[in-house]
Amino acid sequence: TVYLQMNSLKLEDTAVYYCNTPSAR
């Protein structure tokens, strides 16, 4: 498992969040 802790969120952070390798393999 990989995690993403997000703090001080802004309106512009609204999105769908995905994980993958950096090359989107």
PDB file of all heavy atoms in Angstrom:
ATOM      1  N   THR A   1       0.828  -1.200   0.000  1.00  0.00           N
ATOM      2  CA  THR A   1       0.000   0.000   0.000  1.00  0.00           C
ATOM      3  C   THR A   1       0.866   1.255   0.000  1.00  0.00           C
ATOM      4  O   THR A   1       1.893   1.307   0.682  1.00  0.00           O
ATOM      5  CB  THR A   1      -0.934   0.004   1.220  1.00  0.00           C
ATOM      6  OG1 THR A   1      -1.796  -1.145   1.161  1.00  0.00           O
ATOM      7  CG2 THR A   1      -1.807   1.258   1.245  1.00  0.00           C
ATOM      8  N   VAL A   2       0.420   2.234  -0.771  1.00  0.00           N
ATOM      9  CA  VAL A   2       1.047   3.552  -0.776  1.00  0.00           C
ATOM     10  C   VAL A   2      -0.008   4.556  -0.315  1.00  0.00           C
ATOM     11  O   VAL A   2      -1.189   4.405  -0.613  1.00  0.00           O
ATOM     12  CB  VAL A   2       1.614   3.896  -2.173  1.00  0.00           C
ATOM     13  CG1 VAL A   2       0.529   3.933  -3.235  1.00  0.00           C
ATOM     14  CG2 VAL A   2       2.375   5.203  -2.142  1.00  0.00           C
ATOM     15  N   TYR A   3       0.444   5.554   0.429  1.00  0.00           N
ATOM     16  CA  TYR A   3      -0.454   6.539   1.029  1.00  0.00           C
ATOM     17  C   TYR A   3      -0.128   7.941   0.527  1.00  0.00           C
ATOM     18  O   TYR A   3       0.993   8.223   0.115  1.00  0.00           O
ATOM     19  CB  TYR A   3      -0.314   6.518   2.551  1.00  0.00           C
ATOM     20  CG  TYR A   3      -0.575   5.178   3.178  1.00  0.00           C
ATOM     21  CD1 TYR A   3       0.489   4.335   3.519  1.00  0.00           C
ATOM     22  CD2 TYR A   3      -1.868   4.741   3.430  1.00  0.00           C
ATOM     23  CE1 TYR A   3       0.258   3.097   4.087  1.00  0.00           C
ATOM     24  CE2 TYR A   3      -2.104   3.496   4.000  1.00  0.00           C
ATOM     25  CZ  TYR A   3      -1.040   2.682   4.330  1.00  0.00           C
ATOM     26  OH  TYR A   3      -1.266   1.451   4.892  1.00  0.00           O
ATOM     27  N   LEU A   4      -1.119   8.810   0.614  1.00  0.00           N
ATOM     28  CA  LEU A   4      -0.905  10.228   0.351  1.00  0.00           C
ATOM     29  C   LEU A   4      -1.639  11.014   1.434  1.00  0.00           C
ATOM     30  O   LEU A   4      -2.866  11.052   1.453  1.00  0.00           O
ATOM     31  CB  LEU A   4      -1.418  10.638  -1.032  1.00  0.00           C
ATOM     32  CG  LEU A   4      -1.066  12.067  -1.435  1.00  0.00           C
ATOM     33  CD1 LEU A   4       0.446  12.173  -1.705  1.00  0.00           C
ATOM     34  CD2 LEU A   4      -1.834  12.489  -2.685  1.00  0.00           C
ATOM     35  N   GLN A   5      -0.873  11.585   2.336  1.00  0.00           N
ATOM     36  CA  GLN A   5      -1.439  12.447   3.368  1.00  0.00           C
ATOM     37  C   GLN A   5      -1.501  13.859   2.808  1.00  0.00           C
ATOM     38  O   GLN A   5      -0.473  14.403   2.408  1.00  0.00           O
ATOM     39  CB  GLN A   5      -0.573  12.417   4.628  1.00  0.00           C
ATOM     40  CG  GLN A   5      -1.022  13.363   5.723  1.00  0.00           C
ATOM     41  CD  GLN A   5      -2.348  12.962   6.322  1.00  0.00           C
ATOM     42  OE1 GLN A   5      -2.584  11.787   6.615  1.00  0.00           O
ATOM     43  NE2 GLN A   5      -3.233  13.928   6.541  1.00  0.00           N
ATOM     44  N   MET A   6      -2.693  14.422   2.782  1.00  0.00           N
ATOM     45  CA  MET A   6      -2.887  15.752   2.206  1.00  0.00           C
ATOM     46  C   MET A   6      -3.401  16.683   3.295  1.00  0.00           C
ATOM     47  O   MET A   6      -4.414  16.393   3.944  1.00  0.00           O
ATOM     48  CB  MET A   6      -3.873  15.698   1.040  1.00  0.00           C
ATOM     49  CG  MET A   6      -3.471  14.729  -0.052  1.00  0.00           C
ATOM     50  SD  MET A   6      -4.465  14.913  -1.536  1.00  0.00           S
ATOM     51  CE  MET A   6      -6.067  14.453  -0.913  1.00  0.00           C
ATOM     52  N   ASN A   7      -2.724  17.781   3.478  1.00  0.00           N
ATOM     53  CA  ASN A   7      -3.099  18.779   4.483  1.00  0.00           C
ATOM     54  C   ASN A   7      -3.322  20.137   3.816  1.00  0.00           C
ATOM     55  O   ASN A   7      -2.934  20.342   2.659  1.00  0.00           O
ATOM     56  CB  ASN A   7      -2.001  18.893   5.536  1.00  0.00           C
ATOM     57  CG  ASN A   7      -1.717  17.582   6.232  1.00  0.00           C
ATOM     58  OD1 ASN A   7      -2.622  16.821   6.570  1.00  0.00           O
ATOM     59  ND2 ASN A   7      -0.439  17.296   6.446  1.00  0.00           N
ATOM     60  N   SER A   8      -3.947  21.034   4.561  1.00  0.00           N
ATOM     61  CA  SER A   8      -4.180  22.400   4.058  1.00  0.00           C
ATOM     62  C   SER A   8      -4.776  22.377   2.658  1.00  0.00           C
ATOM     63  O   SER A   8      -4.321  23.086   1.752  1.00  0.00           O
ATOM     64  CB  SER A   8      -2.865  23.189   4.060  1.00  0.00           C
ATOM     65  OG  SER A   8      -2.321  23.235   5.364  1.00  0.00           O
ATOM     66  N   LEU A   9      -5.787  21.566   2.494  1.00  0.00           N
ATOM     67  CA  LEU A   9      -6.373  21.385   1.163  1.00  0.00           C
ATOM     68  C   LEU A   9      -7.018  22.672   0.657  1.00  0.00           C
ATOM     69  O   LEU A   9      -7.595  23.450   1.429  1.00  0.00           O
ATOM     70  CB  LEU A   9      -7.378  20.244   1.184  1.00  0.00           C
ATOM     71  CG  LEU A   9      -6.733  18.853   1.213  1.00  0.00           C
ATOM     72  CD1 LEU A   9      -7.731  17.790   1.649  1.00  0.00           C
ATOM     73  CD2 LEU A   9      -6.154  18.509  -0.148  1.00  0.00           C
ATOM     74  N   LYS A  10      -6.904  22.860  -0.656  1.00  0.00           N
ATOM     75  CA  LYS A  10      -7.433  24.040  -1.321  1.00  0.00           C
ATOM     76  C   LYS A  10      -8.537  23.628  -2.297  1.00  0.00           C
ATOM     77  O   LYS A  10      -8.622  22.464  -2.701  1.00  0.00           O
ATOM     78  CB  LYS A  10      -6.318  24.747  -2.089  1.00  0.00           C
ATOM     79  CG  LYS A  10      -5.121  25.149  -1.246  1.00  0.00           C
ATOM     80  CD  LYS A  10      -4.041  25.763  -2.120  1.00  0.00           C
ATOM     81  CE  LYS A  10      -2.823  26.158  -1.298  1.00  0.00           C
ATOM     82  NZ  LYS A  10      -1.764  26.764  -2.149  1.00  0.00           N
ATOM     83  N   LEU A  11      -9.339  24.593  -2.689  1.00  0.00           N
ATOM     84  CA  LEU A  11     -10.403  24.303  -3.647  1.00  0.00           C
ATOM     85  C   LEU A  11      -9.848  23.656  -4.912  1.00  0.00           C
ATOM     86  O   LEU A  11     -10.460  22.741  -5.482  1.00  0.00           O
ATOM     87  CB  LEU A  11     -11.149  25.596  -4.000  1.00  0.00           C
ATOM     88  CG  LEU A  11     -11.881  26.299  -2.864  1.00  0.00           C
ATOM     89  CD1 LEU A  11     -12.460  27.625  -3.357  1.00  0.00           C
ATOM     90  CD2 LEU A  11     -12.975  25.426  -2.285  1.00  0.00           C
ATOM     91  N   GLU A  12      -8.689  24.114  -5.335  1.00  0.00           N
ATOM     92  CA  GLU A  12      -8.102  23.615  -6.579  1.00  0.00           C
ATOM     93  C   GLU A  12      -7.501  22.220  -6.461  1.00  0.00           C
ATOM     94  O   GLU A  12      -7.023  21.673  -7.444  1.00  0.00           O
ATOM     95  CB  GLU A  12      -7.043  24.593  -7.108  1.00  0.00           C
ATOM     96  CG  GLU A  12      -5.962  24.941  -6.111  1.00  0.00           C
ATOM     97  CD  GLU A  12      -6.235  26.243  -5.376  1.00  0.00           C
ATOM     98  OE1 GLU A  12      -7.407  26.511  -5.030  1.00  0.00           O
ATOM     99  OE2 GLU A  12      -5.255  26.990  -5.153  1.00  0.00           O
ATOM    100  N   ASP A  13      -7.530  21.652  -5.279  1.00  0.00           N
ATOM    101  CA  ASP A  13      -7.085  20.265  -5.112  1.00  0.00           C
ATOM    102  C   ASP A  13      -8.197  19.275  -5.454  1.00  0.00           C
ATOM    103  O   ASP A  13      -7.973  18.064  -5.459  1.00  0.00           O
ATOM    104  CB  ASP A  13      -6.622  20.016  -3.678  1.00  0.00           C
ATOM    105  CG  ASP A  13      -5.375  20.820  -3.324  1.00  0.00           C
ATOM    106  OD1 ASP A  13      -4.512  20.978  -4.204  1.00  0.00           O
ATOM    107  OD2 ASP A  13      -5.282  21.277  -2.171  1.00  0.00           O
ATOM    108  N   THR A  14      -9.383  19.787  -5.724  1.00  0.00           N
ATOM    109  CA  THR A  14     -10.492  18.921  -6.109  1.00  0.00           C
ATOM    110  C   THR A  14     -10.149  18.176  -7.396  1.00  0.00           C
ATOM    111  O   THR A  14      -9.812  18.789  -8.409  1.00  0.00           O
ATOM    112  CB  THR A  14     -11.771  19.741  -6.312  1.00  0.00           C
ATOM    113  OG1 THR A  14     -12.160  20.321  -5.060  1.00  0.00           O
ATOM    114  CG2 THR A  14     -12.905  18.882  -6.844  1.00  0.00           C
ATOM    115  N   ALA A  15     -10.196  16.861  -7.336  1.00  0.00           N
ATOM    116  CA  ALA A  15      -9.809  16.027  -8.474  1.00  0.00           C
ATOM    117  C   ALA A  15     -10.055  14.571  -8.107  1.00  0.00           C
ATOM    118  O   ALA A  15     -10.354  14.250  -6.954  1.00  0.00           O
ATOM    119  CB  ALA A  15      -8.329  16.228  -8.808  1.00  0.00           C
ATOM    120  N   VAL A  16      -9.908  13.710  -9.097  1.00  0.00           N
ATOM    121  CA  VAL A  16      -9.840  12.275  -8.832  1.00  0.00           C
ATOM    122  C   VAL A  16      -8.366  11.912  -8.708  1.00  0.00           C
ATOM    123  O   VAL A  16      -7.560  12.288  -9.565  1.00  0.00           O
ATOM    124  CB  VAL A  16     -10.505  11.459  -9.950  1.00  0.00           C
ATOM    125  CG1 VAL A  16     -10.412   9.967  -9.640  1.00  0.00           C
ATOM    126  CG2 VAL A  16     -11.962  11.864 -10.110  1.00  0.00           C
ATOM    127  N   TYR A  17      -8.033  11.206  -7.658  1.00  0.00           N
ATOM    128  CA  TYR A  17      -6.656  10.847  -7.367  1.00  0.00           C
ATOM    129  C   TYR A  17      -6.429   9.371  -7.671  1.00  0.00           C
ATOM    130  O   TYR A  17      -7.245   8.522  -7.294  1.00  0.00           O
ATOM    131  CB  TYR A  17      -6.328  11.159  -5.915  1.00  0.00           C
ATOM    132  CG  TYR A  17      -6.166  12.647  -5.665  1.00  0.00           C
ATOM    133  CD1 TYR A  17      -7.268  13.484  -5.666  1.00  0.00           C
ATOM    134  CD2 TYR A  17      -4.902  13.200  -5.457  1.00  0.00           C
ATOM    135  CE1 TYR A  17      -7.124  14.847  -5.474  1.00  0.00           C
ATOM    136  CE2 TYR A  17      -4.750  14.568  -5.254  1.00  0.00           C
ATOM    137  CZ  TYR A  17      -5.869  15.390  -5.266  1.00  0.00           C
ATOM    138  OH  TYR A  17      -5.715  16.747  -5.076  1.00  0.00           O
ATOM    139  N   TYR A  18      -5.313   9.102  -8.338  1.00  0.00           N
ATOM    140  CA  TYR A  18      -4.959   7.757  -8.759  1.00  0.00           C
ATOM    141  C   TYR A  18      -3.536   7.430  -8.330  1.00  0.00           C
ATOM    142  O   TYR A  18      -2.713   8.326  -8.136  1.00  0.00           O
ATOM    143  CB  TYR A  18      -4.990   7.641 -10.290  1.00  0.00           C
ATOM    144  CG  TYR A  18      -6.285   7.980 -10.954  1.00  0.00           C
ATOM    145  CD1 TYR A  18      -6.584   9.290 -11.308  1.00  0.00           C
ATOM    146  CD2 TYR A  18      -7.204   6.977 -11.279  1.00  0.00           C
ATOM    147  CE1 TYR A  18      -7.769   9.609 -11.944  1.00  0.00           C
ATOM    148  CE2 TYR A  18      -8.387   7.287 -11.930  1.00  0.00           C
ATOM    149  CZ  TYR A  18      -8.663   8.600 -12.253  1.00  0.00           C
ATOM    150  OH  TYR A  18      -9.839   8.910 -12.890  1.00  0.00           O
ATOM    151  N   CYS A  19      -3.237   6.140  -8.272  1.00  0.00           N
ATOM    152  CA  CYS A  19      -1.845   5.729  -8.090  1.00  0.00           C
ATOM    153  C   CYS A  19      -1.433   4.860  -9.279  1.00  0.00           C
ATOM    154  O   CYS A  19      -2.259   4.265  -9.966  1.00  0.00           O
ATOM    155  CB  CYS A  19      -1.643   4.981  -6.780  1.00  0.00           C
ATOM    156  SG  CYS A  19      -2.491   3.407  -6.692  1.00  0.00           S
ATOM    157  N   ASN A  20      -0.140   4.807  -9.494  1.00  0.00           N
ATOM    158  CA  ASN A  20       0.446   3.993 -10.553  1.00  0.00           C
ATOM    159  C   ASN A  20       1.956   4.146 -10.427  1.00  0.00           C
ATOM    160  O   ASN A  20       2.453   4.813  -9.515  1.00  0.00           O
ATOM    161  CB  ASN A  20      -0.023   4.476 -11.936  1.00  0.00           C
ATOM    162  CG  ASN A  20      -0.074   3.363 -12.967  1.00  0.00           C
ATOM    163  OD1 ASN A  20       0.840   2.549 -13.063  1.00  0.00           O
ATOM    164  ND2 ASN A  20      -1.149   3.316 -13.735  1.00  0.00           N
ATOM    165  N   THR A  21       2.703   3.537 -11.301  1.00  0.00           N
ATOM    166  CA  THR A  21       4.136   3.795 -11.339  1.00  0.00           C
ATOM    167  C   THR A  21       4.352   5.140 -12.034  1.00  0.00           C
ATOM    168  O   THR A  21       3.459   5.639 -12.723  1.00  0.00           O
ATOM    169  CB  THR A  21       4.873   2.684 -12.094  1.00  0.00           C
ATOM    170  OG1 THR A  21       4.444   2.700 -13.449  1.00  0.00           O
ATOM    171  CG2 THR A  21       4.588   1.329 -11.461  1.00  0.00           C
ATOM    172  N   PRO A  22       5.520   5.747 -11.895  1.00  0.00           N
ATOM    173  CA  PRO A  22       5.765   7.041 -12.548  1.00  0.00           C
ATOM    174  C   PRO A  22       5.651   6.981 -14.067  1.00  0.00           C
ATOM    175  O   PRO A  22       5.359   7.988 -14.707  1.00  0.00           O
ATOM    176  CB  PRO A  22       7.188   7.395 -12.108  1.00  0.00           C
ATOM    177  CG  PRO A  22       7.333   6.724 -10.787  1.00  0.00           C
ATOM    178  CD  PRO A  22       6.587   5.424 -10.936  1.00  0.00           C
ATOM    179  N   SER A  23       5.830   5.821 -14.639  1.00  0.00           N
ATOM    180  CA  SER A  23       5.682   5.679 -16.085  1.00  0.00           C
ATOM    181  C   SER A  23       4.280   5.241 -16.463  1.00  0.00           C
ATOM    182  O   SER A  23       4.007   4.974 -17.633  1.00  0.00           O
ATOM    183  CB  SER A  23       6.692   4.655 -16.610  1.00  0.00           C
ATOM    184  OG  SER A  23       6.453   3.384 -16.019  1.00  0.00           O
ATOM    185  N   ALA A  24       3.382   5.189 -15.471  1.00  0.00           N
ATOM    186  CA  ALA A  24       2.014   4.720 -15.715  1.00  0.00           C
ATOM    187  C   ALA A  24       2.032   3.384 -16.444  1.00  0.00           C
ATOM    188  O   ALA A  24       1.348   3.190 -17.449  1.00  0.00           O
ATOM    189  CB  ALA A  24       1.219   5.756 -16.496  1.00  0.00           C
ATOM    190  N   ARG A  25       2.800   2.484 -15.901  1.00  0.00           N
ATOM    191  CA  ARG A  25       3.047   1.206 -16.550  1.00  0.00           C
ATOM    192  C   ARG A  25       1.817   0.309 -16.580  1.00  0.00           C
ATOM    193  O   ARG A  25       1.660  -0.513 -17.478  1.00  0.00           O
ATOM    194  CB  ARG A  25       4.198   0.502 -15.814  1.00  0.00           C
ATOM    195  CG  ARG A  25       4.564  -0.854 -16.333  1.00  0.00           C
ATOM    196  CD  ARG A  25       5.750  -1.406 -15.546  1.00  0.00           C
ATOM    197  NE  ARG A  25       6.123  -2.740 -15.997  1.00  0.00           N
ATOM    198  CZ  ARG A  25       7.104  -3.457 -15.464  1.00  0.00           C
ATOM    199  NH1 ARG A  25       7.811  -2.953 -14.459  1.00  0.00           N
ATOM    200  NH2 ARG A  25       7.384  -4.640 -15.918  1.00  0.00           N
TER     201      ARG A  25
END
